[in-house]
Amino acid sequence: MSTLRDVFARGPLEVLQQQRLVPADGRMPTDADRTAAEAVAVAAAAIAYYVPPTTLEQHAHRSLSRALMTFLVEIVRNTPPGPERSTAIARAREAKLWASAAVALQRAQPAPATTDEGGTI
């Protein structure tokens, strides 16, 4: 079961990935189930809500786009036409998509937990 505190402690993405909303045994929802549903709604809003990128994030997106453009040209320059080239192009585009998502979502992720000595857990 998730609470609203979990959204901030675990991060919204983990809440969305791990939370069950329907009681597994088919019983009627309880207050705890309703709290979990509210936590999922808050987590979904945190992920889906548009937050304009900072200047540093804009730079990161532009840098990723330039890297993709260079890589795509190299793929075309160095590989023969065919299904393998098409797959390489698709995977390069997918890699840029995930990298851009990481940049966009970094502020929605919780900070790593630290130990008393200052190291990360």
Protein backbone atom coordinates (compact mmCIF):
# COMPACT_ATOMS: atom_id res chain seq x y z
CA MET A 1 0.00 0.00 0.00
CA SER A 2 1.24 3.50 -0.82
CA THR A 3 0.61 6.70 1.02
CA LEU A 4 1.16 10.22 -0.19
CA ARG A 5 4.38 10.21 1.82
CA ASP A 6 5.58 7.32 -0.39
CA VAL A 7 5.25 9.48 -3.49
CA PHE A 8 7.87 11.81 -2.09
CA ALA A 9 10.01 9.21 -0.30
CA ARG A 10 10.10 6.57 -3.06
CA GLY A 11 9.50 8.83 -6.02
CA PRO A 12 6.49 9.00 -8.32
CA LEU A 13 7.81 6.59 -10.92
CA GLU A 14 8.36 3.81 -8.38
CA VAL A 15 4.86 4.35 -6.95
CA LEU A 16 3.37 4.03 -10.45
CA GLN A 17 5.43 0.93 -11.23
CA GLN A 18 4.76 -0.94 -7.98
CA GLN A 19 1.32 0.04 -6.68
CA ARG A 20 -1.73 -2.22 -7.05
CA LEU A 21 -5.07 -0.41 -7.12
CA VAL A 22 -7.55 -3.27 -7.21
CA PRO A 23 -7.75 -5.41 -4.08
CA ALA A 24 -6.30 -8.77 -5.08
CA ASP A 25 -8.98 -10.73 -3.22
CA GLY A 26 -11.94 -9.01 -4.89
CA ARG A 27 -13.13 -7.29 -1.68
CA MET A 28 -14.54 -3.78 -1.54
CA PRO A 29 -11.93 -1.01 -1.40
CA THR A 30 -10.96 0.19 2.08
CA ASP A 31 -9.71 3.58 3.23
CA ALA A 32 -6.18 2.27 2.73
CA ASP A 33 -7.05 1.33 -0.86
CA ARG A 34 -8.44 4.81 -1.44
CA THR A 35 -5.25 6.34 0.02
CA ALA A 36 -3.22 4.21 -2.37
CA ALA A 37 -5.37 5.39 -5.29
CA GLU A 38 -4.78 9.00 -4.22
CA ALA A 39 -1.02 8.35 -4.04
CA VAL A 40 -1.12 6.95 -7.58
CA ALA A 41 -3.01 10.02 -8.80
CA VAL A 42 -0.44 12.35 -7.20
CA ALA A 43 2.43 10.30 -8.65
CA ALA A 44 0.82 10.35 -12.11
CA ALA A 45 0.42 14.13 -11.92
CA ALA A 46 4.06 14.52 -10.90
CA ILE A 47 5.17 12.55 -13.96
CA ALA A 48 2.66 13.95 -16.48
CA TYR A 49 2.71 17.62 -15.48
CA TYR A 50 4.76 19.75 -17.85
CA VAL A 51 7.61 21.58 -16.19
CA PRO A 52 9.52 23.88 -18.54
CA PRO A 53 13.17 22.86 -18.78
CA THR A 54 15.81 24.89 -17.02
CA THR A 55 18.57 26.48 -19.06
CA LEU A 56 20.88 23.60 -18.15
CA GLU A 57 18.25 21.05 -19.23
CA GLN A 58 17.71 22.90 -22.52
CA HIS A 59 21.45 22.67 -23.13
CA ALA A 60 21.37 18.93 -22.37
CA HIS A 61 18.48 18.37 -24.83
CA ARG A 62 20.29 20.33 -27.57
CA SER A 63 23.49 18.40 -26.91
CA LEU A 64 21.66 15.07 -27.15
CA SER A 65 20.01 16.18 -30.41
CA ARG A 66 23.36 17.16 -31.91
CA ALA A 67 24.88 13.84 -30.85
CA LEU A 68 21.97 11.96 -32.44
CA MET A 69 22.30 13.92 -35.69
CA THR A 70 26.01 13.10 -35.89
CA PHE A 71 25.41 9.43 -35.09
CA LEU A 72 22.61 9.10 -37.66
CA VAL A 73 24.84 10.55 -40.38
CA GLU A 74 27.58 8.07 -39.42
CA ILE A 75 25.14 5.17 -39.50
CA VAL A 76 24.03 6.10 -43.03
CA ARG A 77 27.61 6.79 -44.13
CA ASN A 78 28.99 3.49 -42.82
CA THR A 79 26.22 0.90 -43.23
CA PRO A 80 24.50 -0.52 -46.28
CA PRO A 81 20.76 0.13 -46.75
CA GLY A 82 18.60 -2.59 -45.30
CA PRO A 83 16.83 -3.83 -42.21
CA GLU A 84 19.94 -3.65 -40.01
CA ARG A 85 20.45 0.03 -40.87
CA SER A 86 16.76 0.69 -40.18
CA THR A 87 17.07 -1.03 -36.80
CA ALA A 88 20.23 0.92 -35.96
CA ILE A 89 18.44 4.19 -36.81
CA ALA A 90 15.41 3.24 -34.74
CA ARG A 91 17.56 2.23 -31.75
CA ALA A 92 19.59 5.44 -31.95
CA ARG A 93 16.38 7.46 -31.92
CA GLU A 94 15.10 5.39 -29.00
CA ALA A 95 18.32 5.97 -27.05
CA LYS A 96 17.94 9.72 -27.53
CA LEU A 97 14.31 9.51 -26.43
CA TRP A 98 15.26 7.75 -23.17
CA ALA A 99 18.17 10.11 -22.56
CA SER A 100 15.85 13.11 -23.05
CA ALA A 101 13.32 11.54 -20.70
CA ALA A 102 16.03 11.14 -18.07
CA VAL A 103 16.87 14.83 -18.38
CA ALA A 104 13.20 15.85 -18.24
CA LEU A 105 12.35 13.63 -15.28
CA GLN A 106 15.43 14.18 -13.15
CA ARG A 107 13.65 16.77 -10.98
CA ALA A 108 10.77 14.33 -10.39
CA GLN A 109 13.08 11.68 -8.93
CA PRO A 110 13.90 11.58 -5.23
CA ALA A 111 17.41 12.45 -4.15
CA PRO A 112 19.53 9.37 -3.37
CA ALA A 113 19.52 8.38 0.28
CA THR A 114 22.77 9.06 2.11
CA THR A 115 24.53 7.41 5.00
CA ASP A 116 25.73 9.19 8.12
CA GLU A 117 29.16 9.39 6.53
CA GLY A 118 27.74 11.20 3.49
CA GLY A 119 27.97 8.30 1.01
CA THR A 120 25.00 7.16 -1.03
CA ILE A 121 23.14 4.01 -0.13
